[in-house]
Amino acid sequence: MGIISHLLNQTTTALITIRNKYGDQDYSSGVNESCRFREITGLDKNSNREGIKADALLWLEPTSTVVEGSIVRVEGRFYRVNQIVKARKMNGTVQFLKCLMEKYVEIEGVS
């Protein structure tokens, strides 16, 4: 249980992606996980020398199965995870994951 578990009151679905025999990506329903979601379209904030260029942010438990490149569905919209930042304590234990995401095309047939 992470340090922000009490704030993760939304749900995301990490889609399972496989390649068919033609090399195309096929998606199927994946795993539901607790999260915190914030859409930040158009934000380019350069405070403290940290630049954020993303359409949305997603916070997850440190045990999440989401990896960079994953496609997730939040509030009916699809996003690709471009970067995952691991928030660590001084002793190195991961407290939570922060994902920077960009909007992704609508995927038909995925419930």
N, C-alpha and C. Protein backbone atom coordinates (compact mmCIF):
# COMPACT_ATOMS: atom_id res chain seq x y z
N MET A 1 0.84 -1.17 0.00
CA MET A 1 0.00 0.00 0.00
C MET A 1 0.89 1.24 0.00
N GLY A 2 0.65 2.13 -0.97
CA GLY A 2 1.48 3.31 -1.13
C GLY A 2 1.04 4.46 -0.25
N ILE A 3 1.81 5.51 -0.30
CA ILE A 3 1.57 6.68 0.53
C ILE A 3 0.33 7.47 0.08
N ILE A 4 -0.09 7.33 -1.18
CA ILE A 4 -1.26 8.07 -1.67
C ILE A 4 -2.46 7.16 -1.94
N SER A 5 -2.47 5.98 -1.38
CA SER A 5 -3.55 5.01 -1.63
C SER A 5 -4.94 5.59 -1.35
N HIS A 6 -5.06 6.41 -0.32
CA HIS A 6 -6.36 6.98 0.03
C HIS A 6 -6.87 7.98 -1.02
N LEU A 7 -5.99 8.48 -1.89
CA LEU A 7 -6.38 9.42 -2.93
C LEU A 7 -6.73 8.74 -4.25
N LEU A 8 -6.44 7.46 -4.37
CA LEU A 8 -6.66 6.74 -5.62
C LEU A 8 -8.10 6.25 -5.67
N ASN A 9 -9.04 7.17 -5.95
CA ASN A 9 -10.46 6.84 -5.89
C ASN A 9 -11.12 6.77 -7.27
N GLN A 10 -10.33 6.70 -8.31
CA GLN A 10 -10.85 6.52 -9.67
C GLN A 10 -10.34 5.17 -10.19
N THR A 11 -10.84 4.77 -11.35
CA THR A 11 -10.46 3.47 -11.91
C THR A 11 -9.94 3.64 -13.33
N THR A 12 -8.87 2.93 -13.65
CA THR A 12 -8.34 2.89 -15.01
C THR A 12 -8.27 1.44 -15.45
N THR A 13 -8.31 1.23 -16.75
CA THR A 13 -8.16 -0.10 -17.30
C THR A 13 -6.93 -0.11 -18.19
N ALA A 14 -5.95 -0.92 -17.84
CA ALA A 14 -4.76 -1.09 -18.68
C ALA A 14 -5.08 -2.16 -19.71
N LEU A 15 -5.10 -1.78 -20.98
CA LEU A 15 -5.46 -2.72 -22.04
C LEU A 15 -4.33 -3.70 -22.32
N ILE A 16 -4.71 -4.90 -22.67
CA ILE A 16 -3.74 -5.92 -23.06
C ILE A 16 -3.51 -5.78 -24.56
N THR A 17 -2.26 -5.62 -24.97
CA THR A 17 -1.91 -5.41 -26.37
C THR A 17 -1.15 -6.62 -26.89
N ILE A 18 -1.60 -7.15 -28.02
CA ILE A 18 -0.89 -8.25 -28.68
C ILE A 18 -0.76 -7.91 -30.16
N ARG A 19 0.18 -8.54 -30.83
CA ARG A 19 0.37 -8.34 -32.27
C ARG A 19 -0.22 -9.54 -33.00
N ASN A 20 -0.99 -9.26 -34.06
CA ASN A 20 -1.54 -10.36 -34.86
C ASN A 20 -0.51 -10.81 -35.90
N LYS A 21 -0.88 -11.75 -36.73
CA LYS A 21 0.09 -12.31 -37.68
C LYS A 21 0.53 -11.30 -38.74
N TYR A 22 -0.20 -10.19 -38.89
CA TYR A 22 0.17 -9.15 -39.85
C TYR A 22 1.00 -8.03 -39.20
N GLY A 23 1.24 -8.14 -37.91
CA GLY A 23 2.03 -7.14 -37.20
C GLY A 23 1.22 -5.99 -36.64
N ASP A 24 -0.10 -6.04 -36.82
CA ASP A 24 -0.97 -5.00 -36.28
C ASP A 24 -1.22 -5.26 -34.79
N GLN A 25 -1.50 -4.18 -34.06
CA GLN A 25 -1.81 -4.32 -32.64
C GLN A 25 -3.28 -4.65 -32.46
N ASP A 26 -3.57 -5.63 -31.63
CA ASP A 26 -4.93 -5.97 -31.23
C ASP A 26 -5.04 -5.70 -29.74
N TYR A 27 -6.18 -5.15 -29.33
CA TYR A 27 -6.39 -4.79 -27.93
C TYR A 27 -7.54 -5.61 -27.36
N SER A 28 -7.42 -5.92 -26.10
CA SER A 28 -8.53 -6.56 -25.41
C SER A 28 -8.64 -5.94 -24.02
N SER A 29 -9.77 -6.17 -23.39
CA SER A 29 -9.96 -5.63 -22.04
C SER A 29 -8.85 -6.10 -21.13
N GLY A 30 -8.46 -5.25 -20.26
CA GLY A 30 -7.34 -5.56 -19.39
C GLY A 30 -7.71 -5.55 -17.92
N VAL A 31 -6.80 -5.10 -17.12
CA VAL A 31 -6.92 -5.13 -15.67
C VAL A 31 -7.37 -3.77 -15.16
N ASN A 32 -8.37 -3.76 -14.29
CA ASN A 32 -8.81 -2.52 -13.64
C ASN A 32 -7.90 -2.23 -12.45
N GLU A 33 -7.50 -0.97 -12.32
CA GLU A 33 -6.65 -0.57 -11.20
C GLU A 33 -7.14 0.75 -10.63
N SER A 34 -6.93 0.94 -9.34
CA SER A 34 -7.25 2.21 -8.70
C SER A 34 -6.24 3.26 -9.14
N CYS A 35 -6.72 4.48 -9.33
CA CYS A 35 -5.82 5.53 -9.81
C CYS A 35 -6.33 6.90 -9.39
N ARG A 36 -5.55 7.90 -9.72
CA ARG A 36 -5.95 9.31 -9.63
C ARG A 36 -5.62 9.88 -11.00
N PHE A 37 -6.59 10.53 -11.63
CA PHE A 37 -6.45 11.00 -13.00
C PHE A 37 -6.64 12.50 -13.06
N ARG A 38 -5.82 13.16 -13.89
CA ARG A 38 -5.96 14.60 -14.10
C ARG A 38 -5.64 14.91 -15.55
N GLU A 39 -6.60 15.49 -16.26
CA GLU A 39 -6.37 15.90 -17.64
C GLU A 39 -5.74 17.28 -17.63
N ILE A 40 -4.63 17.45 -18.35
CA ILE A 40 -3.89 18.72 -18.34
C ILE A 40 -3.57 19.17 -19.74
N THR A 41 -4.43 18.92 -20.69
CA THR A 41 -4.18 19.24 -22.09
C THR A 41 -3.67 20.67 -22.24
N GLY A 42 -2.57 20.79 -22.95
CA GLY A 42 -2.02 22.09 -23.27
C GLY A 42 -1.11 22.68 -22.22
N LEU A 43 -0.89 22.02 -21.12
CA LEU A 43 -0.03 22.55 -20.07
C LEU A 43 1.44 22.32 -20.42
N ASP A 44 2.21 23.35 -20.36
CA ASP A 44 3.66 23.26 -20.54
C ASP A 44 4.28 24.12 -19.44
N LYS A 45 4.43 23.52 -18.28
CA LYS A 45 4.86 24.25 -17.10
C LYS A 45 6.34 23.99 -16.86
N ASN A 46 7.11 25.06 -16.77
CA ASN A 46 8.55 24.91 -16.58
C ASN A 46 9.00 25.47 -15.23
N SER A 47 8.28 25.16 -14.18
CA SER A 47 8.70 25.61 -12.87
C SER A 47 9.71 24.62 -12.30
N ASN A 48 10.67 25.12 -11.60
CA ASN A 48 11.72 24.31 -10.99
C ASN A 48 12.43 23.43 -12.02
N ARG A 49 12.56 23.94 -13.22
CA ARG A 49 13.26 23.26 -14.32
C ARG A 49 12.66 21.91 -14.68
N GLU A 50 11.42 21.70 -14.34
CA GLU A 50 10.73 20.46 -14.71
C GLU A 50 9.69 20.79 -15.76
N GLY A 51 9.89 20.30 -16.96
CA GLY A 51 8.94 20.55 -18.03
C GLY A 51 7.94 19.41 -18.13
N ILE A 52 6.68 19.74 -18.21
CA ILE A 52 5.65 18.72 -18.34
C ILE A 52 4.93 18.96 -19.66
N LYS A 53 5.08 18.03 -20.57
CA LYS A 53 4.36 18.11 -21.84
C LYS A 53 3.57 16.82 -21.96
N ALA A 54 2.32 16.88 -21.53
CA ALA A 54 1.46 15.70 -21.53
C ALA A 54 0.02 16.16 -21.63
N ASP A 55 -0.84 15.24 -22.07
CA ASP A 55 -2.27 15.54 -22.12
C ASP A 55 -2.96 15.20 -20.81
N ALA A 56 -2.36 14.27 -20.05
CA ALA A 56 -2.97 13.85 -18.79
C ALA A 56 -1.91 13.24 -17.87
N LEU A 57 -2.23 13.25 -16.58
CA LEU A 57 -1.38 12.62 -15.57
C LEU A 57 -2.19 11.53 -14.88
N LEU A 58 -1.51 10.47 -14.48
CA LEU A 58 -2.16 9.35 -13.82
C LEU A 58 -1.25 8.89 -12.68
N TRP A 59 -1.81 8.79 -11.48
CA TRP A 59 -1.06 8.29 -10.33
C TRP A 59 -1.57 6.89 -10.01
N LEU A 60 -0.64 5.97 -9.74
CA LEU A 60 -0.99 4.56 -9.49
C LEU A 60 -0.22 4.02 -8.29
N GLU A 61 -0.68 2.88 -7.80
CA GLU A 61 0.03 2.16 -6.74
C GLU A 61 1.40 1.70 -7.28
N PRO A 62 2.38 1.52 -6.41
CA PRO A 62 3.70 1.07 -6.87
C PRO A 62 3.69 -0.35 -7.43
N THR A 63 2.64 -1.11 -7.15
CA THR A 63 2.54 -2.49 -7.64
C THR A 63 1.78 -2.59 -8.96
N SER A 64 1.50 -1.47 -9.59
CA SER A 64 0.71 -1.44 -10.82
C SER A 64 1.39 -2.22 -11.94
N THR A 65 0.57 -2.76 -12.85
CA THR A 65 1.09 -3.51 -14.00
C THR A 65 1.34 -2.61 -15.21
N VAL A 66 1.00 -1.33 -15.12
CA VAL A 66 1.18 -0.40 -16.23
C VAL A 66 2.67 -0.15 -16.46
N VAL A 67 3.07 -0.19 -17.74
CA VAL A 67 4.46 0.09 -18.13
C VAL A 67 4.45 1.18 -19.20
N GLU A 68 5.63 1.75 -19.47
CA GLU A 68 5.71 2.75 -20.53
C GLU A 68 5.29 2.12 -21.85
N GLY A 69 4.45 2.84 -22.60
CA GLY A 69 3.93 2.33 -23.84
C GLY A 69 2.56 1.68 -23.70
N SER A 70 2.11 1.47 -22.47
CA SER A 70 0.79 0.87 -22.24
C SER A 70 -0.31 1.80 -22.74
N ILE A 71 -1.42 1.20 -23.15
CA ILE A 71 -2.62 1.95 -23.48
C ILE A 71 -3.59 1.77 -22.32
N VAL A 72 -4.08 2.89 -21.79
CA VAL A 72 -5.01 2.83 -20.67
C VAL A 72 -6.29 3.58 -21.04
N ARG A 73 -7.39 3.16 -20.42
CA ARG A 73 -8.67 3.83 -20.62
C ARG A 73 -9.09 4.42 -19.28
N VAL A 74 -9.34 5.73 -19.29
CA VAL A 74 -9.80 6.43 -18.10
C VAL A 74 -10.97 7.30 -18.50
N GLU A 75 -12.07 7.19 -17.77
CA GLU A 75 -13.27 8.00 -18.02
C GLU A 75 -13.70 7.92 -19.49
N GLY A 76 -13.57 6.74 -20.09
CA GLY A 76 -14.03 6.52 -21.45
C GLY A 76 -13.09 6.98 -22.54
N ARG A 77 -11.93 7.53 -22.19
CA ARG A 77 -10.95 8.00 -23.17
C ARG A 77 -9.69 7.15 -23.09
N PHE A 78 -9.00 7.07 -24.21
CA PHE A 78 -7.79 6.26 -24.29
C PHE A 78 -6.55 7.14 -24.27
N TYR A 79 -5.51 6.67 -23.57
CA TYR A 79 -4.24 7.38 -23.46
C TYR A 79 -3.09 6.38 -23.58
N ARG A 80 -1.95 6.86 -24.11
CA ARG A 80 -0.72 6.06 -24.14
C ARG A 80 0.20 6.62 -23.06
N VAL A 81 0.77 5.72 -22.26
CA VAL A 81 1.69 6.11 -21.20
C VAL A 81 3.06 6.35 -21.84
N ASN A 82 3.53 7.60 -21.80
CA ASN A 82 4.82 7.95 -22.40
C ASN A 82 5.98 7.84 -21.42
N GLN A 83 5.71 8.15 -20.17
CA GLN A 83 6.78 8.15 -19.16
C GLN A 83 6.19 7.80 -17.81
N ILE A 84 6.95 7.04 -17.04
CA ILE A 84 6.55 6.71 -15.67
C ILE A 84 7.64 7.20 -14.72
N VAL A 85 7.22 8.00 -13.75
CA VAL A 85 8.13 8.51 -12.74
C VAL A 85 7.83 7.77 -11.44
N LYS A 86 8.85 7.16 -10.85
CA LYS A 86 8.67 6.44 -9.58
C LYS A 86 9.03 7.36 -8.43
N ALA A 87 8.06 7.61 -7.55
CA ALA A 87 8.29 8.43 -6.37
C ALA A 87 8.87 7.53 -5.28
N ARG A 88 10.09 7.84 -4.87
CA ARG A 88 10.80 7.00 -3.89
C ARG A 88 11.06 7.74 -2.59
N LYS A 89 11.09 6.97 -1.51
CA LYS A 89 11.56 7.49 -0.23
C LYS A 89 13.08 7.50 -0.26
N MET A 90 13.68 8.08 0.74
CA MET A 90 15.14 8.15 0.80
C MET A 90 15.78 6.76 0.86
N ASN A 91 15.04 5.77 1.39
CA ASN A 91 15.60 4.42 1.48
C ASN A 91 15.41 3.63 0.18
N GLY A 92 14.79 4.25 -0.82
CA GLY A 92 14.66 3.61 -2.13
C GLY A 92 13.34 2.92 -2.40
N THR A 93 12.46 2.80 -1.41
CA THR A 93 11.19 2.13 -1.65
C THR A 93 10.27 3.03 -2.48
N VAL A 94 9.61 2.44 -3.46
CA VAL A 94 8.70 3.18 -4.33
C VAL A 94 7.37 3.39 -3.61
N GLN A 95 6.92 4.65 -3.56
CA GLN A 95 5.69 5.01 -2.86
C GLN A 95 4.48 5.06 -3.80
N PHE A 96 4.69 5.54 -5.03
CA PHE A 96 3.64 5.59 -6.03
C PHE A 96 4.27 5.84 -7.39
N LEU A 97 3.46 5.66 -8.45
CA LEU A 97 3.91 5.90 -9.81
C LEU A 97 3.13 7.08 -10.38
N LYS A 98 3.82 7.96 -11.09
CA LYS A 98 3.17 9.07 -11.80
C LYS A 98 3.42 8.86 -13.29
N CYS A 99 2.33 8.76 -14.05
CA CYS A 99 2.43 8.50 -15.49
C CYS A 99 2.09 9.75 -16.27
N LEU A 100 2.94 10.11 -17.23
CA LEU A 100 2.66 11.19 -18.16
C LEU A 100 2.12 10.56 -19.42
N MET A 101 0.93 11.02 -19.87
CA MET A 101 0.24 10.33 -20.96
C MET A 101 -0.17 11.30 -22.06
N GLU A 102 -0.31 10.76 -23.26
CA GLU A 102 -0.87 11.53 -24.37
C GLU A 102 -2.13 10.85 -24.87
N LYS A 103 -3.03 11.65 -25.43
CA LYS A 103 -4.28 11.09 -25.95
C LYS A 103 -3.98 10.07 -27.04
N TYR A 104 -4.82 9.08 -27.12
CA TYR A 104 -4.67 8.01 -28.09
C TYR A 104 -5.97 7.86 -28.86
N VAL A 105 -5.92 7.33 -30.05
CA VAL A 105 -7.12 7.17 -30.87
C VAL A 105 -8.13 6.29 -30.18
N GLU A 106 -9.39 6.46 -30.52
CA GLU A 106 -10.44 5.60 -29.98
C GLU A 106 -10.24 4.19 -30.51
N ILE A 107 -10.41 3.21 -29.67
CA ILE A 107 -10.23 1.82 -30.05
C ILE A 107 -11.61 1.16 -30.06
N GLU A 108 -12.02 0.70 -31.22
CA GLU A 108 -13.34 0.07 -31.34
C GLU A 108 -13.29 -1.36 -30.84
N GLY A 109 -14.39 -1.79 -30.26
CA GLY A 109 -14.52 -3.17 -29.83
C GLY A 109 -13.94 -3.48 -28.46
N VAL A 110 -13.43 -2.48 -27.77
CA VAL A 110 -12.89 -2.71 -26.43
C VAL A 110 -13.89 -2.16 -25.44
N SER A 111 -14.35 -3.04 -24.55
CA SER A 111 -15.35 -2.59 -23.57
C SER A 111 -14.73 -2.24 -22.26
